[in-house]
Amino acid sequence: MDVTIKTKASVRVAFARATGPYLTSTKEAWDKLAAWAAPRGLFVEDAQYLGLSHDDPSLTPPDKLRYDACVSVGPEVAAEGDIGVTEIPGGEFAVYLHKGPYEGLEMSYSQLYGQWLPASGRAAALRPPHEVYLNHPDSTPPEELLTEIYVPLEGM
C-alpha cells in the first residue's frame, strides 16, 4: 500500500448522520445533508466533502453502523434540526488514496488497519477515521473516483 503520513489541521463541518449498513446509510446521510446545505449555498467549489465511518463493520452489527456526511463550513454556520456542526480534530494521519468505486473502501480500510498499520510500528488514535472525497460520483465514472482515507495516529 502506498501510504503517506500527513499532518492536517482540524476542520469545522456541518454533518448529517445515518445509521445502518454503510452502502445504504452513506446515501441517506448525503441526501439529508444535500437537502439542507444546497439551498444555503454551502456546496461550493472550495468546500471539503468528508465522510466519517464511526464503527468497524467487522465488530458492529450492520443496523448499528453510524456514518456522517460532512461539508466544511465557516463559523457563521450553526446546527439546525437533524444537521449538526462539529470539528474533526487535526493531527497526524496515515493517508491512503483509494481509487475506484466506494464499494471497495471496506477492503482498503481492512488493508490499512489489518496490514499496513501493524507493519508500520504506529498505532491508530482512538477516534474515527475519515474520508475526503476528491471528485463527485455524479460526474465521475466509478472506476475513476478518488477518496483519501485518513487514519488518525497516536503521537510518537
N, C-alpha and C. Protein backbone atom coordinates (compact mmCIF):
# COMPACT_ATOMS: atom_id res chain seq x y z
N MET A 1 0.85 -1.19 0.00
CA MET A 1 0.00 0.00 0.00
C MET A 1 0.89 1.24 0.00
N ASP A 2 0.49 2.21 -0.77
CA ASP A 2 1.22 3.48 -0.82
C ASP A 2 0.56 4.44 0.17
N VAL A 3 1.06 4.44 1.40
CA VAL A 3 0.50 5.25 2.49
C VAL A 3 1.50 6.34 2.83
N THR A 4 1.00 7.55 3.01
CA THR A 4 1.85 8.66 3.44
C THR A 4 1.38 9.15 4.81
N ILE A 5 2.29 9.74 5.56
CA ILE A 5 1.95 10.34 6.85
C ILE A 5 1.83 11.84 6.62
N LYS A 6 0.68 12.39 7.00
CA LYS A 6 0.44 13.82 6.83
C LYS A 6 -0.06 14.42 8.13
N THR A 7 0.26 15.68 8.33
CA THR A 7 -0.32 16.45 9.43
C THR A 7 -1.39 17.34 8.83
N LYS A 8 -2.55 17.31 9.44
CA LYS A 8 -3.70 18.04 8.91
C LYS A 8 -4.33 18.86 10.03
N ALA A 9 -4.75 20.08 9.69
CA ALA A 9 -5.44 20.93 10.65
C ALA A 9 -6.86 20.41 10.88
N SER A 10 -7.44 20.79 12.00
CA SER A 10 -8.84 20.43 12.25
C SER A 10 -9.73 21.15 11.25
N VAL A 11 -10.91 20.61 11.02
CA VAL A 11 -11.84 21.21 10.07
C VAL A 11 -13.24 21.23 10.69
N ARG A 12 -13.88 22.38 10.60
CA ARG A 12 -15.25 22.55 11.11
C ARG A 12 -16.21 22.10 10.03
N VAL A 13 -17.18 21.26 10.39
CA VAL A 13 -18.10 20.71 9.40
C VAL A 13 -19.54 20.75 9.89
N ALA A 14 -20.45 20.84 8.92
CA ALA A 14 -21.86 20.54 9.13
C ALA A 14 -22.02 19.09 8.69
N PHE A 15 -22.85 18.33 9.43
CA PHE A 15 -22.99 16.92 9.10
C PHE A 15 -24.41 16.41 9.28
N ALA A 16 -24.70 15.36 8.53
CA ALA A 16 -25.95 14.60 8.68
C ALA A 16 -25.56 13.16 8.97
N ARG A 17 -26.21 12.55 9.94
CA ARG A 17 -25.90 11.17 10.33
C ARG A 17 -26.99 10.23 9.84
N ALA A 18 -26.56 9.05 9.43
CA ALA A 18 -27.47 7.96 9.12
C ALA A 18 -26.91 6.69 9.75
N THR A 19 -27.80 5.77 10.10
CA THR A 19 -27.40 4.53 10.75
C THR A 19 -27.87 3.36 9.90
N GLY A 20 -27.00 2.36 9.79
CA GLY A 20 -27.32 1.17 9.02
C GLY A 20 -26.11 0.76 8.21
N PRO A 21 -26.26 -0.27 7.37
CA PRO A 21 -25.13 -0.71 6.55
C PRO A 21 -24.55 0.47 5.77
N TYR A 22 -23.22 0.55 5.72
CA TYR A 22 -22.58 1.71 5.10
C TYR A 22 -23.00 1.92 3.65
N LEU A 23 -23.23 0.86 2.90
CA LEU A 23 -23.59 1.05 1.49
C LEU A 23 -24.94 1.73 1.31
N THR A 24 -25.81 1.69 2.33
CA THR A 24 -27.09 2.39 2.22
C THR A 24 -27.12 3.66 3.08
N SER A 25 -26.46 3.62 4.25
CA SER A 25 -26.52 4.79 5.13
C SER A 25 -25.75 5.97 4.55
N THR A 26 -24.72 5.71 3.75
CA THR A 26 -23.99 6.83 3.16
C THR A 26 -24.89 7.65 2.25
N LYS A 27 -25.66 6.98 1.42
CA LYS A 27 -26.57 7.70 0.51
C LYS A 27 -27.61 8.48 1.31
N GLU A 28 -28.16 7.84 2.33
CA GLU A 28 -29.17 8.51 3.17
C GLU A 28 -28.59 9.77 3.82
N ALA A 29 -27.38 9.67 4.36
CA ALA A 29 -26.76 10.82 5.02
C ALA A 29 -26.47 11.93 4.02
N TRP A 30 -25.93 11.58 2.84
CA TRP A 30 -25.63 12.62 1.84
C TRP A 30 -26.91 13.26 1.31
N ASP A 31 -27.98 12.49 1.15
CA ASP A 31 -29.25 13.08 0.71
C ASP A 31 -29.77 14.08 1.74
N LYS A 32 -29.68 13.73 3.03
CA LYS A 32 -30.11 14.65 4.10
C LYS A 32 -29.27 15.92 4.11
N LEU A 33 -27.95 15.74 4.02
CA LEU A 33 -27.06 16.91 4.05
C LEU A 33 -27.29 17.80 2.83
N ALA A 34 -27.43 17.20 1.66
CA ALA A 34 -27.63 17.98 0.44
C ALA A 34 -28.93 18.77 0.50
N ALA A 35 -29.98 18.17 1.02
CA ALA A 35 -31.28 18.86 1.11
C ALA A 35 -31.18 20.09 2.01
N TRP A 36 -30.31 20.04 3.00
CA TRP A 36 -30.14 21.18 3.90
C TRP A 36 -29.08 22.16 3.39
N ALA A 37 -27.94 21.66 2.94
CA ALA A 37 -26.79 22.51 2.61
C ALA A 37 -26.90 23.21 1.26
N ALA A 38 -27.45 22.54 0.26
CA ALA A 38 -27.50 23.13 -1.09
C ALA A 38 -28.29 24.44 -1.11
N PRO A 39 -29.49 24.50 -0.52
CA PRO A 39 -30.22 25.77 -0.54
C PRO A 39 -29.52 26.90 0.23
N ARG A 40 -28.61 26.55 1.11
CA ARG A 40 -27.87 27.55 1.89
C ARG A 40 -26.56 27.95 1.22
N GLY A 41 -26.32 27.39 0.03
CA GLY A 41 -25.12 27.75 -0.72
C GLY A 41 -23.83 27.21 -0.13
N LEU A 42 -23.91 26.08 0.59
CA LEU A 42 -22.72 25.54 1.26
C LEU A 42 -21.94 24.56 0.39
N PHE A 43 -22.53 24.09 -0.69
CA PHE A 43 -21.81 23.19 -1.60
C PHE A 43 -21.08 24.04 -2.62
N VAL A 44 -19.92 24.54 -2.21
CA VAL A 44 -19.12 25.43 -3.06
C VAL A 44 -17.84 24.71 -3.48
N GLU A 45 -17.19 25.25 -4.49
CA GLU A 45 -16.02 24.59 -5.08
C GLU A 45 -14.90 24.33 -4.08
N ASP A 46 -14.65 25.28 -3.18
CA ASP A 46 -13.52 25.10 -2.27
C ASP A 46 -13.88 24.39 -0.96
N ALA A 47 -15.12 23.92 -0.84
CA ALA A 47 -15.51 23.17 0.35
C ALA A 47 -14.87 21.79 0.32
N GLN A 48 -14.64 21.24 1.52
CA GLN A 48 -14.20 19.86 1.63
C GLN A 48 -15.43 18.99 1.88
N TYR A 49 -15.46 17.83 1.24
CA TYR A 49 -16.55 16.88 1.41
C TYR A 49 -15.96 15.64 2.07
N LEU A 50 -16.45 15.34 3.27
CA LEU A 50 -15.85 14.29 4.08
C LEU A 50 -16.91 13.31 4.55
N GLY A 51 -16.46 12.12 4.89
CA GLY A 51 -17.32 11.12 5.48
C GLY A 51 -16.65 10.52 6.69
N LEU A 52 -17.43 10.32 7.76
CA LEU A 52 -16.92 9.67 8.97
C LEU A 52 -17.66 8.36 9.17
N SER A 53 -16.91 7.28 9.16
CA SER A 53 -17.46 5.96 9.45
C SER A 53 -17.07 5.65 10.89
N HIS A 54 -18.03 5.74 11.79
CA HIS A 54 -17.74 5.66 13.22
C HIS A 54 -17.45 4.26 13.72
N ASP A 55 -17.91 3.24 12.99
CA ASP A 55 -17.87 1.89 13.53
C ASP A 55 -17.19 0.92 12.58
N ASP A 56 -16.59 -0.11 13.14
CA ASP A 56 -15.94 -1.17 12.38
C ASP A 56 -17.00 -2.20 11.99
N PRO A 57 -17.26 -2.38 10.69
CA PRO A 57 -18.32 -3.31 10.29
C PRO A 57 -18.01 -4.77 10.63
N SER A 58 -16.76 -5.09 10.99
CA SER A 58 -16.46 -6.46 11.40
C SER A 58 -16.80 -6.69 12.88
N LEU A 59 -17.05 -5.60 13.62
CA LEU A 59 -17.36 -5.70 15.05
C LEU A 59 -18.77 -5.23 15.40
N THR A 60 -19.33 -4.35 14.59
CA THR A 60 -20.61 -3.72 14.90
C THR A 60 -21.70 -4.30 13.99
N PRO A 61 -22.87 -4.62 14.56
CA PRO A 61 -23.96 -5.13 13.71
C PRO A 61 -24.32 -4.10 12.64
N PRO A 62 -24.65 -4.57 11.42
CA PRO A 62 -24.93 -3.64 10.31
C PRO A 62 -25.96 -2.57 10.63
N ASP A 63 -26.99 -2.90 11.41
CA ASP A 63 -28.04 -1.91 11.71
C ASP A 63 -27.58 -0.86 12.72
N LYS A 64 -26.38 -1.02 13.30
CA LYS A 64 -25.86 -0.06 14.29
C LYS A 64 -24.72 0.80 13.75
N LEU A 65 -24.29 0.57 12.50
CA LEU A 65 -23.19 1.35 11.92
C LEU A 65 -23.61 2.81 11.74
N ARG A 66 -22.74 3.72 12.17
CA ARG A 66 -23.03 5.17 12.08
C ARG A 66 -22.12 5.82 11.05
N TYR A 67 -22.73 6.63 10.18
CA TYR A 67 -21.98 7.35 9.14
C TYR A 67 -22.42 8.80 9.13
N ASP A 68 -21.44 9.72 9.07
CA ASP A 68 -21.72 11.15 8.97
C ASP A 68 -21.24 11.66 7.62
N ALA A 69 -22.14 12.27 6.86
CA ALA A 69 -21.78 13.00 5.64
C ALA A 69 -21.49 14.43 6.07
N CYS A 70 -20.35 14.98 5.65
CA CYS A 70 -19.89 16.27 6.16
C CYS A 70 -19.47 17.21 5.03
N VAL A 71 -19.70 18.49 5.25
CA VAL A 71 -19.17 19.53 4.37
C VAL A 71 -18.51 20.58 5.27
N SER A 72 -17.33 21.05 4.87
CA SER A 72 -16.65 22.06 5.67
C SER A 72 -17.44 23.37 5.64
N VAL A 73 -17.47 24.04 6.80
CA VAL A 73 -18.23 25.28 6.93
C VAL A 73 -17.45 26.28 7.78
N GLY A 74 -17.84 27.53 7.67
CA GLY A 74 -17.25 28.59 8.47
C GLY A 74 -17.95 28.74 9.81
N PRO A 75 -17.48 29.68 10.62
CA PRO A 75 -18.03 29.87 11.96
C PRO A 75 -19.45 30.42 11.98
N GLU A 76 -19.91 30.94 10.84
CA GLU A 76 -21.26 31.51 10.79
C GLU A 76 -22.35 30.45 10.69
N VAL A 77 -21.99 29.21 10.40
CA VAL A 77 -22.97 28.14 10.22
C VAL A 77 -23.26 27.49 11.57
N ALA A 78 -24.56 27.31 11.86
CA ALA A 78 -24.98 26.71 13.13
C ALA A 78 -25.78 25.44 12.87
N ALA A 79 -25.80 24.56 13.86
CA ALA A 79 -26.60 23.34 13.79
C ALA A 79 -28.08 23.72 13.67
N GLU A 80 -28.82 22.83 13.01
CA GLU A 80 -30.24 23.10 12.79
C GLU A 80 -30.96 21.78 12.51
N GLY A 81 -31.94 21.45 13.36
CA GLY A 81 -32.71 20.23 13.14
C GLY A 81 -31.82 18.99 13.19
N ASP A 82 -31.88 18.18 12.13
CA ASP A 82 -31.08 16.94 12.05
C ASP A 82 -29.63 17.20 11.65
N ILE A 83 -29.28 18.43 11.38
CA ILE A 83 -27.93 18.77 10.94
C ILE A 83 -27.12 19.26 12.13
N GLY A 84 -25.99 18.63 12.36
CA GLY A 84 -25.11 19.03 13.45
C GLY A 84 -23.92 19.80 12.91
N VAL A 85 -23.20 20.45 13.79
CA VAL A 85 -21.94 21.11 13.45
C VAL A 85 -20.92 20.63 14.48
N THR A 86 -19.75 20.25 13.99
CA THR A 86 -18.69 19.76 14.86
C THR A 86 -17.35 20.06 14.23
N GLU A 87 -16.31 19.73 14.95
CA GLU A 87 -14.95 19.89 14.44
C GLU A 87 -14.30 18.51 14.35
N ILE A 88 -13.77 18.20 13.19
CA ILE A 88 -12.99 16.97 13.03
C ILE A 88 -11.57 17.33 13.45
N PRO A 89 -11.07 16.68 14.50
CA PRO A 89 -9.74 17.06 15.01
C PRO A 89 -8.63 16.85 13.98
N GLY A 90 -7.68 17.73 14.05
CA GLY A 90 -6.50 17.59 13.21
C GLY A 90 -5.48 16.69 13.89
N GLY A 91 -4.29 16.66 13.33
CA GLY A 91 -3.22 15.86 13.89
C GLY A 91 -2.48 15.13 12.80
N GLU A 92 -1.85 14.04 13.22
CA GLU A 92 -1.07 13.24 12.28
C GLU A 92 -1.93 12.07 11.80
N PHE A 93 -1.87 11.81 10.49
CA PHE A 93 -2.71 10.79 9.87
C PHE A 93 -1.90 9.93 8.91
N ALA A 94 -2.28 8.66 8.83
CA ALA A 94 -1.85 7.80 7.74
C ALA A 94 -2.88 8.01 6.64
N VAL A 95 -2.41 8.35 5.43
CA VAL A 95 -3.33 8.69 4.35
C VAL A 95 -3.10 7.74 3.18
N TYR A 96 -4.20 7.18 2.72
CA TYR A 96 -4.17 6.27 1.57
C TYR A 96 -5.17 6.78 0.53
N LEU A 97 -4.74 6.84 -0.73
CA LEU A 97 -5.62 7.25 -1.82
C LEU A 97 -6.28 6.02 -2.41
N HIS A 98 -7.59 5.89 -2.16
CA HIS A 98 -8.38 4.80 -2.73
C HIS A 98 -8.87 5.24 -4.11
N LYS A 99 -8.60 4.44 -5.11
CA LYS A 99 -9.06 4.72 -6.47
C LYS A 99 -10.09 3.68 -6.85
N GLY A 100 -11.28 4.14 -7.24
CA GLY A 100 -12.31 3.21 -7.67
C GLY A 100 -13.60 3.39 -6.92
N PRO A 101 -14.54 2.47 -7.13
CA PRO A 101 -15.87 2.58 -6.55
C PRO A 101 -15.84 2.60 -5.02
N TYR A 102 -16.82 3.25 -4.44
CA TYR A 102 -16.93 3.32 -2.99
C TYR A 102 -17.10 1.94 -2.37
N GLU A 103 -17.67 1.00 -3.12
CA GLU A 103 -17.85 -0.35 -2.60
C GLU A 103 -16.52 -1.00 -2.22
N GLY A 104 -15.42 -0.52 -2.77
CA GLY A 104 -14.11 -1.07 -2.46
C GLY A 104 -13.45 -0.45 -1.24
N LEU A 105 -14.07 0.56 -0.64
CA LEU A 105 -13.47 1.23 0.52
C LEU A 105 -13.27 0.27 1.69
N GLU A 106 -14.20 -0.64 1.91
CA GLU A 106 -14.08 -1.56 3.04
C GLU A 106 -12.79 -2.38 2.93
N MET A 107 -12.44 -2.81 1.71
CA MET A 107 -11.21 -3.58 1.51
C MET A 107 -9.98 -2.70 1.79
N SER A 108 -10.03 -1.43 1.36
CA SER A 108 -8.90 -0.52 1.64
C SER A 108 -8.74 -0.31 3.14
N TYR A 109 -9.85 -0.13 3.87
CA TYR A 109 -9.78 0.01 5.32
C TYR A 109 -9.20 -1.25 5.95
N SER A 110 -9.63 -2.40 5.49
CA SER A 110 -9.16 -3.67 6.02
C SER A 110 -7.65 -3.80 5.84
N GLN A 111 -7.14 -3.42 4.68
CA GLN A 111 -5.71 -3.49 4.43
C GLN A 111 -4.94 -2.46 5.28
N LEU A 112 -5.51 -1.25 5.40
CA LEU A 112 -4.85 -0.22 6.21
C LEU A 112 -4.71 -0.66 7.67
N TYR A 113 -5.82 -1.08 8.27
CA TYR A 113 -5.82 -1.44 9.69
C TYR A 113 -5.23 -2.82 9.93
N GLY A 114 -5.43 -3.76 9.00
CA GLY A 114 -5.01 -5.12 9.22
C GLY A 114 -3.59 -5.43 8.79
N GLN A 115 -3.06 -4.69 7.80
CA GLN A 115 -1.73 -4.98 7.28
C GLN A 115 -0.77 -3.81 7.47
N TRP A 116 -1.13 -2.64 6.90
CA TRP A 116 -0.20 -1.52 6.92
C TRP A 116 0.08 -1.06 8.34
N LEU A 117 -0.96 -0.82 9.13
CA LEU A 117 -0.79 -0.25 10.48
C LEU A 117 0.10 -1.14 11.35
N PRO A 118 -0.16 -2.46 11.47
CA PRO A 118 0.73 -3.30 12.30
C PRO A 118 2.18 -3.30 11.80
N ALA A 119 2.37 -3.28 10.49
CA ALA A 119 3.73 -3.30 9.94
C ALA A 119 4.44 -1.96 10.09
N SER A 120 3.68 -0.87 10.28
CA SER A 120 4.27 0.47 10.34
C SER A 120 4.92 0.78 11.67
N GLY A 121 4.52 0.06 12.71
CA GLY A 121 5.02 0.39 14.05
C GLY A 121 4.25 1.52 14.70
N ARG A 122 3.22 2.00 14.04
CA ARG A 122 2.39 3.09 14.57
C ARG A 122 1.10 2.52 15.14
N ALA A 123 0.37 3.34 15.90
CA ALA A 123 -0.92 2.94 16.46
C ALA A 123 -1.98 3.96 16.06
N ALA A 124 -3.16 3.45 15.79
CA ALA A 124 -4.28 4.33 15.45
C ALA A 124 -4.77 5.04 16.72
N ALA A 125 -5.11 6.31 16.57
CA ALA A 125 -5.71 7.06 17.68
C ALA A 125 -7.13 6.56 17.90
N LEU A 126 -7.64 6.78 19.10
CA LEU A 126 -8.98 6.32 19.44
C LEU A 126 -10.05 7.33 19.01
N ARG A 127 -10.11 7.57 17.71
CA ARG A 127 -11.17 8.38 17.12
C ARG A 127 -11.36 7.86 15.70
N PRO A 128 -12.51 8.14 15.12
CA PRO A 128 -12.79 7.52 13.82
C PRO A 128 -11.93 8.06 12.69
N PRO A 129 -11.65 7.20 11.72
CA PRO A 129 -11.01 7.68 10.50
C PRO A 129 -12.01 8.51 9.71
N HIS A 130 -11.52 9.20 8.70
CA HIS A 130 -12.46 9.91 7.83
C HIS A 130 -11.98 9.82 6.39
N GLU A 131 -12.92 10.09 5.52
CA GLU A 131 -12.65 10.07 4.09
C GLU A 131 -12.80 11.48 3.56
N VAL A 132 -11.97 11.83 2.58
CA VAL A 132 -12.11 13.09 1.85
C VAL A 132 -12.36 12.70 0.40
N TYR A 133 -13.50 13.15 -0.12
CA TYR A 133 -13.90 12.81 -1.48
C TYR A 133 -13.35 13.87 -2.43
N LEU A 134 -12.49 13.45 -3.35
CA LEU A 134 -11.79 14.39 -4.22
C LEU A 134 -12.52 14.67 -5.53
N ASN A 135 -13.50 13.84 -5.89
CA ASN A 135 -14.33 14.10 -7.06
C ASN A 135 -15.75 13.63 -6.76
N HIS A 136 -16.66 13.87 -7.68
CA HIS A 136 -18.09 13.69 -7.41
C HIS A 136 -18.63 12.48 -8.16
N PRO A 137 -19.36 11.60 -7.47
CA PRO A 137 -19.87 10.40 -8.13
C PRO A 137 -20.88 10.67 -9.24
N ASP A 138 -21.51 11.84 -9.26
CA ASP A 138 -22.46 12.15 -10.33
C ASP A 138 -21.77 12.51 -11.63
N SER A 139 -20.50 12.94 -11.55
CA SER A 139 -19.80 13.37 -12.76
C SER A 139 -18.52 12.57 -13.03
N THR A 140 -18.31 11.50 -12.26
CA THR A 140 -17.09 10.71 -12.37
C THR A 140 -17.47 9.24 -12.49
N PRO A 141 -16.92 8.54 -13.49
CA PRO A 141 -17.16 7.09 -13.56
C PRO A 141 -16.66 6.41 -12.28
N PRO A 142 -17.35 5.38 -11.80
CA PRO A 142 -16.95 4.73 -10.54
C PRO A 142 -15.49 4.32 -10.48
N GLU A 143 -14.92 3.83 -11.58
CA GLU A 143 -13.53 3.38 -11.55
C GLU A 143 -12.54 4.54 -11.44
N GLU A 144 -13.02 5.79 -11.62
CA GLU A 144 -12.14 6.96 -11.52
C GLU A 144 -12.36 7.78 -10.25
N LEU A 145 -13.23 7.31 -9.35
CA LEU A 145 -13.45 8.02 -8.10
C LEU A 145 -12.17 8.00 -7.26
N LEU A 146 -11.89 9.14 -6.62
CA LEU A 146 -10.70 9.28 -5.77
C LEU A 146 -11.14 9.66 -4.36
N THR A 147 -10.74 8.84 -3.40
CA THR A 147 -11.12 9.05 -2.00
C THR A 147 -9.88 8.90 -1.15
N GLU A 148 -9.53 9.94 -0.39
CA GLU A 148 -8.44 9.83 0.57
C GLU A 148 -9.00 9.31 1.88
N ILE A 149 -8.35 8.26 2.41
CA ILE A 149 -8.71 7.73 3.72
C ILE A 149 -7.70 8.23 4.72
N TYR A 150 -8.17 8.87 5.78
CA TYR A 150 -7.32 9.43 6.83
C TYR A 150 -7.50 8.62 8.11
N VAL A 151 -6.47 7.92 8.53
CA VAL A 151 -6.48 7.17 9.78
C VAL A 151 -5.70 7.99 10.80
N PRO A 152 -6.36 8.46 11.87
CA PRO A 152 -5.66 9.27 12.87
C PRO A 152 -4.63 8.41 13.62
N LEU A 153 -3.45 8.96 13.84
CA LEU A 153 -2.38 8.23 14.50
C LEU A 153 -2.11 8.79 15.90
N GLU A 154 -1.71 7.89 16.79
CA GLU A 154 -1.24 8.30 18.11
C GLU A 154 0.11 9.00 17.93
N GLY A 155 0.43 9.91 18.84
CA GLY A 155 1.72 10.57 18.80
C GLY A 155 2.85 9.59 19.03
N MET A 156 4.02 9.94 18.55
CA MET A 156 5.19 9.02 18.71
C MET A 156 5.88 9.27 20.02
